[in-house]
Structure formats: C-alpha cells, structure tokens
Amino acid sequence: MRSLTILICCLIIVLMTVSCNREDNAIQSETDDFSDVFFFPTDSLDYLYEGDKALIMVVENNNTFGFPEAESLFETRRAVMGSIFSELYEVDPSEFEGLTLIELIDQFGEPWQIEKITEIAEGNYDRIIALTDSTATSVYFLDSLNYLKDNGYSIDIFFNLHGTYISIVFVDGNMPAEYLCGLIVDEDIDVRSVYQCCCYASRHLPEWAETDVQAVCGATDINYYMTFSPIFFFDYWLNEDMTYGEAVRQAFYSEVCTLYTLTDRVPELSMMLLPDIQASSEHVLCGDSTLLWPDWSGTIIWE
C-alpha cells in the first residue's frame, strides 16, 4: 500500500479510536429483555453476494464519543485534517464544513471502512451483509443471523460497535453477550468466528466459550485501535494465509506502527502509543487461534 495512503488512513485511526462507550454511558439498561425481538423481513436489507460462506459487519459509533478530547483535537487541526479527509474520501473539503468530528465519521468514516473490508472480502465470502446507521440494530442483526441460518450459511462476524462490561451496544440498545451467545447455541446458528472492536470485549469471552464458535477476540479494556486494524485483520487472514491469531496480533501491531509514522506530523498522536493505551487495546484470543480462513470445518479447541 502506498505510504501516502497509510499516512492518511492512520490519521483516521486516531479520530475514530476513541469512539467507545464507558460503562456509565450505556444507552439502555443491562436488564433489557430481548426475548420478544421481532425479525424484520430479510428483503429490507441489501445482500450483496450469495452462497454458503457469509460475513456480517456491524459498524456504528452511535453518535457517541467516550472522550471529548477527540473533538478538541479535530477542531484544533481542522484545516489539516480536512485536507487529509478530502484526499482519503475523494470528496471536496467543502463537504466537511459545519460537521463535527463524530458527524464526519458517521457520514464518511464508517462507509469507508465497510467499503475497504468489502473489497478484501469479495470473492472470498459468498454473501456479505453490512449494517450501519439505522440498520445497525439488534433487530436487524438477529434477523440477519436467522436468515443465514435458515439458508445454510456458515458465518463470520465483525463488530465495530461500542461495548460495556457485559453488553454489545447496538443503535436500539444494549444486547448482553450472554443473551447473544445463548441464542446462537439454542438456535444452532453456525457462527464460525467473531472479530470485535468493542471496548471491554474480552470480558465477553467466557460467554463465547460456551458456544461452538471456533475463534473470538476482544480488547482487554477500552479499545483505542478500531479503524485500521480491522482492515489489516481481514487482509492478513483472507489474503496472507495467516492464522486467526496471527492476523489479530499482526493487525494490532500494524496499526500501532502506522500510527507511529504520523507522530512527526501530528505530535499529539504520540499519546496513542503509550504503553497503557496499547495494553488496554490489545486483543485477548479465545478458541482456536490456529484457525485458517479456508478452514470452515476445523476442530473447536477452546484454550
């Protein structure tokens, strides 16, 4: 990848990595009842490919930042960042006028990430579902799982959502990981792997370990690296013949290294390289870390 593109993407990492919920900012009570979830008609979604291997992406910052410092940095460097965003998204800088950082991410950053992962995934998966904005709800997600199960798909999941200690935060509220994992078991849904960028996702791993999902990862605590690492992960796992664990770890370090290349231009970004930031964001692996992407029938070995 060309160095200029890396530098541009790296700045986007910084702007989006702070978009995680702290526990006290949960959208809904952790006691929400999901037992009567209504499944919307599947044809309301845009299914891009057909076959037996499926990827579901749910990407949404929910118009929430856990850290006000991100907006302050953006306003301080708006002119420079605007020109970088313009080149990255191939739009005129005037498109960003009047937008806050979180609005810019919502309108341009999230579609950009989905597009980049889709470019990597196409030709590998037979069906890709991308949920964002108003479709990034627990209802649409569960509907998608239900549809894919009924049509015989094996599923990989990518979450780029906020998280709490016990839940995944969708647009319509918090879904406890225990509930989701219980549903996967009870409904015998063939979920093969999960790659998560949610904060605190490592705390959900005991629930995932009760399912037949072969490989899962999650950030140790608050996740500061959630924009470029997913793109690296899918490229490494799908195209570079890395195992799931190798791809997770290498994607993490690739994002750190990419961020380092930009600190001479934006010195404030050096705070993103502090040891405690990296330790908080580092992924914990659960399951078969040796899983290769072509292996859709591997033995489940929980570590």
Protein backbone atom coordinates (compact mmCIF):
# COMPACT_ATOMS: atom_id res chain seq x y z
CA MET A 1 0.00 0.00 0.00
CA ARG A 2 1.38 3.39 -0.87
CA SER A 3 2.92 5.33 2.01
CA LEU A 4 0.67 8.35 1.49
CA THR A 5 -2.42 6.20 1.82
CA ILE A 6 -1.04 4.68 5.02
CA LEU A 7 -0.40 8.10 6.50
CA ILE A 8 -3.87 9.30 5.61
CA CYS A 9 -5.55 6.20 6.98
CA CYS A 10 -3.50 6.45 10.14
CA LEU A 11 -4.94 9.84 10.97
CA ILE A 12 -8.42 8.38 10.60
CA ILE A 13 -7.44 5.73 13.11
CA VAL A 14 -6.75 8.37 15.71
CA LEU A 15 -10.02 10.14 15.08
CA MET A 16 -12.13 7.02 15.38
CA THR A 17 -10.28 5.00 18.01
CA VAL A 18 -11.78 6.97 20.87
CA SER A 19 -15.35 6.05 19.97
CA CYS A 20 -16.10 3.58 22.72
CA ASN A 21 -18.64 3.70 25.50
CA ARG A 22 -17.68 3.65 29.12
CA GLU A 23 -19.86 1.56 31.35
CA ASP A 24 -21.74 4.54 32.75
CA ASN A 25 -22.71 5.74 29.24
CA ALA A 26 -24.79 2.70 28.32
CA ILE A 27 -27.73 3.52 26.07
CA GLN A 28 -30.17 1.21 27.77
CA SER A 29 -30.42 -0.76 30.98
CA GLU A 30 -28.45 -4.02 31.08
CA THR A 31 -31.69 -5.74 32.07
CA ASP A 32 -33.36 -5.14 28.69
CA ASP A 33 -35.50 -8.10 27.63
CA PHE A 34 -34.65 -9.40 24.15
CA SER A 35 -36.86 -12.48 24.37
CA ASP A 36 -39.56 -10.98 22.14
CA VAL A 37 -37.38 -9.49 19.39
CA PHE A 38 -39.31 -9.12 16.14
CA PHE A 39 -37.48 -10.14 12.98
CA PHE A 40 -37.89 -7.62 10.17
CA PRO A 41 -38.34 -9.03 6.65
CA THR A 42 -34.94 -10.00 5.32
CA ASP A 43 -35.55 -8.38 1.95
CA SER A 44 -35.35 -4.99 3.68
CA LEU A 45 -31.55 -5.41 3.77
CA ASP A 46 -29.04 -5.23 0.94
CA TYR A 47 -27.46 -8.66 0.47
CA LEU A 48 -24.51 -8.37 -1.86
CA TYR A 49 -23.48 -11.96 -2.52
CA GLU A 50 -25.00 -15.43 -2.38
CA GLY A 51 -23.51 -18.78 -1.29
CA ASP A 52 -22.61 -20.71 1.83
CA LYS A 53 -19.95 -18.52 3.47
CA ALA A 54 -21.22 -15.27 4.96
CA LEU A 55 -19.77 -12.19 6.64
CA ILE A 56 -21.86 -9.86 8.80
CA MET A 57 -20.36 -6.45 9.55
CA VAL A 58 -21.97 -4.13 12.09
CA VAL A 59 -20.22 -0.74 12.09
CA GLU A 60 -21.67 2.20 14.02
CA ASN A 61 -20.28 4.71 16.54
CA ASN A 62 -23.84 5.60 17.56
CA ASN A 63 -23.02 9.33 17.55
CA THR A 64 -21.19 8.91 20.82
CA PHE A 65 -17.62 9.53 21.93
CA GLY A 66 -16.33 8.41 25.28
CA PHE A 67 -13.67 11.12 25.14
CA PRO A 68 -14.27 14.82 24.43
CA GLU A 69 -10.55 15.28 23.70
CA ALA A 70 -11.09 13.87 20.22
CA GLU A 71 -13.38 16.70 19.17
CA SER A 72 -10.96 19.25 20.64
CA LEU A 73 -8.07 17.85 18.62
CA PHE A 74 -10.17 17.86 15.46
CA GLU A 75 -11.19 21.50 15.91
CA THR A 76 -7.58 22.50 16.61
CA ARG A 77 -6.33 20.81 13.44
CA ARG A 78 -9.46 21.14 11.31
CA ALA A 79 -7.72 22.65 8.24
CA VAL A 80 -5.02 19.98 8.07
CA MET A 81 -7.38 17.14 8.82
CA GLY A 82 -9.94 18.43 6.35
CA SER A 83 -7.42 18.26 3.52
CA ILE A 84 -6.42 14.74 4.52
CA PHE A 85 -10.03 13.59 4.74
CA SER A 86 -10.66 15.13 1.34
CA GLU A 87 -7.92 13.06 -0.29
CA LEU A 88 -8.89 9.89 1.55
CA TYR A 89 -12.60 10.02 0.75
CA GLU A 90 -12.14 11.72 -2.64
CA VAL A 91 -14.60 14.49 -1.85
CA ASP A 92 -14.28 18.25 -1.84
CA PRO A 93 -13.24 19.71 1.56
CA SER A 94 -16.39 21.80 1.50
CA GLU A 95 -18.29 18.58 2.27
CA PHE A 96 -16.88 18.73 5.82
CA GLU A 97 -17.90 22.32 6.55
CA GLY A 98 -20.01 22.57 9.68
CA LEU A 99 -19.52 18.93 10.59
CA THR A 100 -18.29 17.84 13.98
CA LEU A 101 -15.77 15.02 14.11
CA ILE A 102 -18.41 12.48 15.08
CA GLU A 103 -20.65 13.61 12.21
CA LEU A 104 -17.75 13.33 9.77
CA ILE A 105 -17.02 9.80 10.97
CA ASP A 106 -20.66 8.84 10.64
CA GLN A 107 -21.06 10.21 7.12
CA PHE A 108 -17.67 9.30 5.67
CA GLY A 109 -15.58 7.13 8.01
CA GLU A 110 -17.98 4.27 8.58
CA PRO A 111 -18.85 3.78 4.87
CA TRP A 112 -15.13 3.97 4.10
CA GLN A 113 -14.28 1.15 6.49
CA ILE A 114 -17.12 -1.01 5.22
CA GLU A 115 -16.02 -0.41 1.63
CA LYS A 116 -12.39 -1.32 2.34
CA ILE A 117 -13.30 -4.56 4.12
CA THR A 118 -15.81 -5.43 1.40
CA GLU A 119 -13.10 -5.01 -1.24
CA ILE A 120 -10.99 -7.56 0.66
CA ALA A 121 -13.88 -9.91 1.40
CA GLU A 122 -15.48 -10.08 -2.02
CA GLY A 123 -14.51 -13.22 -3.83
CA ASN A 124 -13.94 -14.98 -0.52
CA TYR A 125 -17.39 -14.79 1.07
CA ASP A 126 -20.49 -15.76 -0.84
CA ARG A 127 -22.72 -13.28 0.97
CA ILE A 128 -21.81 -10.05 2.77
CA ILE A 129 -24.16 -8.09 5.00
CA ALA A 130 -23.16 -4.61 6.21
CA LEU A 131 -25.26 -2.96 8.90
CA THR A 132 -24.67 0.69 9.80
CA ASP A 133 -26.65 3.79 10.80
CA SER A 134 -30.34 2.90 11.17
CA THR A 135 -29.77 -0.76 10.29
CA ALA A 136 -27.10 -1.31 12.97
CA THR A 137 -29.75 -2.55 15.39
CA SER A 138 -30.06 -5.73 17.39
CA VAL A 139 -33.23 -6.49 15.44
CA TYR A 140 -31.59 -6.30 12.02
CA PHE A 141 -28.57 -8.22 13.31
CA LEU A 142 -30.64 -11.03 14.76
CA ASP A 143 -32.77 -11.08 11.62
CA SER A 144 -29.61 -11.49 9.55
CA LEU A 145 -28.40 -14.37 11.72
CA ASN A 146 -31.81 -16.00 11.46
CA TYR A 147 -31.91 -15.63 7.67
CA LEU A 148 -28.41 -17.00 7.17
CA LYS A 149 -29.11 -19.94 9.47
CA ASP A 150 -32.29 -20.82 7.58
CA ASN A 151 -30.38 -20.74 4.29
CA GLY A 152 -27.48 -22.90 5.42
CA TYR A 153 -24.70 -20.35 5.77
CA SER A 154 -21.63 -20.54 7.98
CA ILE A 155 -20.98 -17.06 9.40
CA ASP A 156 -18.07 -14.82 10.36
CA ILE A 157 -18.99 -11.70 12.36
CA PHE A 158 -17.25 -8.32 12.60
CA PHE A 159 -18.39 -5.89 15.30
CA ASN A 160 -17.21 -2.27 15.32
CA LEU A 161 -19.60 -1.05 17.98
CA HIS A 162 -19.43 0.40 21.45
CA GLY A 163 -19.28 -2.06 24.30
CA THR A 164 -19.82 -2.27 28.03
CA TYR A 165 -18.59 -4.79 30.56
CA ILE A 166 -21.41 -7.20 29.72
CA SER A 167 -23.04 -5.96 26.51
CA ILE A 168 -22.64 -5.07 22.86
CA VAL A 169 -24.19 -1.68 22.11
CA PHE A 170 -26.42 -1.54 19.05
CA VAL A 171 -28.33 1.51 17.85
CA ASP A 172 -31.50 0.33 19.57
CA GLY A 173 -29.83 -0.57 22.85
CA ASN A 174 -27.54 -2.96 24.66
CA MET A 175 -27.55 -6.67 23.94
CA PRO A 176 -25.93 -8.74 26.70
CA ALA A 177 -23.25 -11.05 25.34
CA GLU A 178 -24.78 -13.81 27.44
CA TYR A 179 -28.09 -13.40 25.59
CA LEU A 180 -26.47 -13.39 22.13
CA CYS A 181 -24.33 -16.43 22.85
CA GLY A 182 -27.29 -18.26 24.35
CA LEU A 183 -29.32 -17.55 21.23
CA ILE A 184 -26.54 -18.87 18.98
CA VAL A 185 -26.48 -22.10 20.99
CA ASP A 186 -30.25 -22.51 21.34
CA GLU A 187 -30.96 -21.79 17.67
CA ASP A 188 -27.94 -23.80 16.45
CA ILE A 189 -26.65 -20.87 14.39
CA ASP A 190 -23.40 -21.71 12.61
CA VAL A 191 -21.18 -18.81 13.66
CA ARG A 192 -17.58 -19.71 12.92
CA SER A 193 -15.61 -16.67 14.12
CA VAL A 194 -16.04 -13.22 15.66
CA TYR A 195 -13.67 -10.23 15.35
CA GLN A 196 -14.64 -7.48 17.79
CA CYS A 197 -13.56 -3.87 18.21
CA CYS A 198 -15.95 -3.19 21.09
CA CYS A 199 -14.49 -1.86 24.31
CA TYR A 200 -14.30 -4.46 27.11
CA ALA A 201 -14.99 -7.28 24.62
CA SER A 202 -12.50 -9.58 26.37
CA ARG A 203 -14.93 -9.67 29.28
CA HIS A 204 -17.47 -11.35 26.99
CA LEU A 205 -15.14 -14.23 26.10
CA PRO A 206 -16.44 -16.60 28.82
CA GLU A 207 -19.88 -16.36 27.20
CA TRP A 208 -18.47 -17.02 23.73
CA ALA A 209 -16.59 -20.02 25.12
CA GLU A 210 -19.95 -21.65 25.85
CA THR A 211 -20.79 -21.67 22.12
CA ASP A 212 -19.39 -23.64 19.18
CA VAL A 213 -17.76 -20.52 17.72
CA GLN A 214 -14.24 -21.54 16.78
CA ALA A 215 -12.31 -18.27 17.27
CA VAL A 216 -13.12 -14.98 19.02
CA CYS A 217 -11.10 -11.99 20.16
CA GLY A 218 -11.78 -8.89 22.21
CA ALA A 219 -9.99 -5.82 23.56
CA THR A 220 -8.57 -6.11 27.06
CA ASP A 221 -10.32 -2.94 28.25
CA ILE A 222 -11.02 0.35 26.42
CA ASN A 223 -10.13 -0.08 22.75
CA TYR A 224 -8.31 2.84 21.14
CA TYR A 225 -7.45 1.00 17.90
CA MET A 226 -10.55 0.19 15.89
CA THR A 227 -10.35 1.81 12.48
CA PHE A 228 -7.41 0.44 10.53
CA SER A 229 -6.76 -2.81 12.41
CA PRO A 230 -9.97 -4.49 11.12
CA ILE A 231 -8.88 -3.80 7.55
CA PHE A 232 -5.43 -5.22 8.29
CA PHE A 233 -7.02 -8.23 10.00
CA PHE A 234 -9.19 -9.25 7.08
CA ASP A 235 -6.37 -8.71 4.61
CA TYR A 236 -3.96 -10.83 6.67
CA TRP A 237 -6.45 -13.60 7.38
CA LEU A 238 -8.07 -13.83 3.96
CA ASN A 239 -5.18 -12.96 1.66
CA GLU A 240 -1.90 -13.55 3.53
CA ASP A 241 -2.54 -17.10 4.80
CA MET A 242 -2.13 -16.11 8.44
CA THR A 243 -3.94 -17.98 11.17
CA TYR A 244 -6.72 -16.17 13.01
CA GLY A 245 -4.44 -15.47 15.99
CA GLU A 246 -1.56 -14.28 13.83
CA ALA A 247 -3.87 -11.98 11.88
CA VAL A 248 -5.34 -10.49 15.07
CA ARG A 249 -1.94 -9.83 16.60
CA GLN A 250 -0.31 -8.55 13.41
CA ALA A 251 -3.25 -6.23 12.68
CA PHE A 252 -2.87 -4.71 16.13
CA TYR A 253 0.85 -4.08 15.72
CA SER A 254 0.40 -2.82 12.18
CA GLU A 255 -1.97 -0.16 13.45
CA VAL A 256 0.49 0.85 16.18
CA CYS A 257 3.33 1.08 13.66
CA THR A 258 1.21 3.03 11.20
CA LEU A 259 0.29 5.48 13.93
CA TYR A 260 3.95 5.94 14.82
CA THR A 261 4.75 7.05 11.26
CA LEU A 262 2.49 10.08 11.70
CA THR A 263 3.73 11.41 15.02
CA ASP A 264 6.30 13.70 13.37
CA ARG A 265 3.44 15.49 11.60
CA VAL A 266 0.94 15.41 14.44
CA PRO A 267 2.94 15.22 17.70
CA GLU A 268 -0.22 14.94 19.81
CA LEU A 269 -0.71 11.46 18.43
CA SER A 270 2.22 10.15 20.47
CA MET A 271 -0.19 9.76 23.38
CA MET A 272 -1.82 6.95 21.40
CA LEU A 273 1.42 4.97 21.63
CA LEU A 274 1.70 4.98 25.42
CA PRO A 275 2.14 1.51 26.95
CA ASP A 276 -1.10 1.69 28.94
CA ILE A 277 -3.06 2.65 25.80
CA GLN A 278 -1.62 -0.31 23.93
CA ALA A 279 -2.22 -2.69 26.83
CA SER A 280 -5.84 -1.56 27.12
CA SER A 281 -6.46 -2.05 23.39
CA GLU A 282 -4.62 -5.32 22.89
CA HIS A 283 -6.83 -8.23 21.91
CA VAL A 284 -7.29 -11.34 24.02
CA LEU A 285 -7.80 -14.50 21.98
CA CYS A 286 -10.23 -17.29 22.79
CA GLY A 287 -10.71 -20.55 20.94
CA ASP A 288 -8.65 -21.99 18.11
CA SER A 289 -6.08 -19.31 17.35
CA THR A 290 -4.61 -21.52 14.59
CA LEU A 291 -7.82 -21.34 12.54
CA LEU A 292 -7.12 -20.55 8.88
CA TRP A 293 -9.70 -18.70 6.82
CA PRO A 294 -10.21 -21.56 4.29
CA ASP A 295 -10.97 -23.96 7.16
CA TRP A 296 -14.74 -23.97 7.51
CA SER A 297 -14.89 -27.31 9.30
CA GLY A 298 -12.00 -27.18 11.78
CA THR A 299 -12.00 -28.79 15.19
CA ILE A 300 -13.08 -26.48 18.01
CA ILE A 301 -10.33 -26.23 20.61
CA TRP A 302 -11.08 -23.74 23.37
CA GLU A 303 -7.94 -22.52 25.12
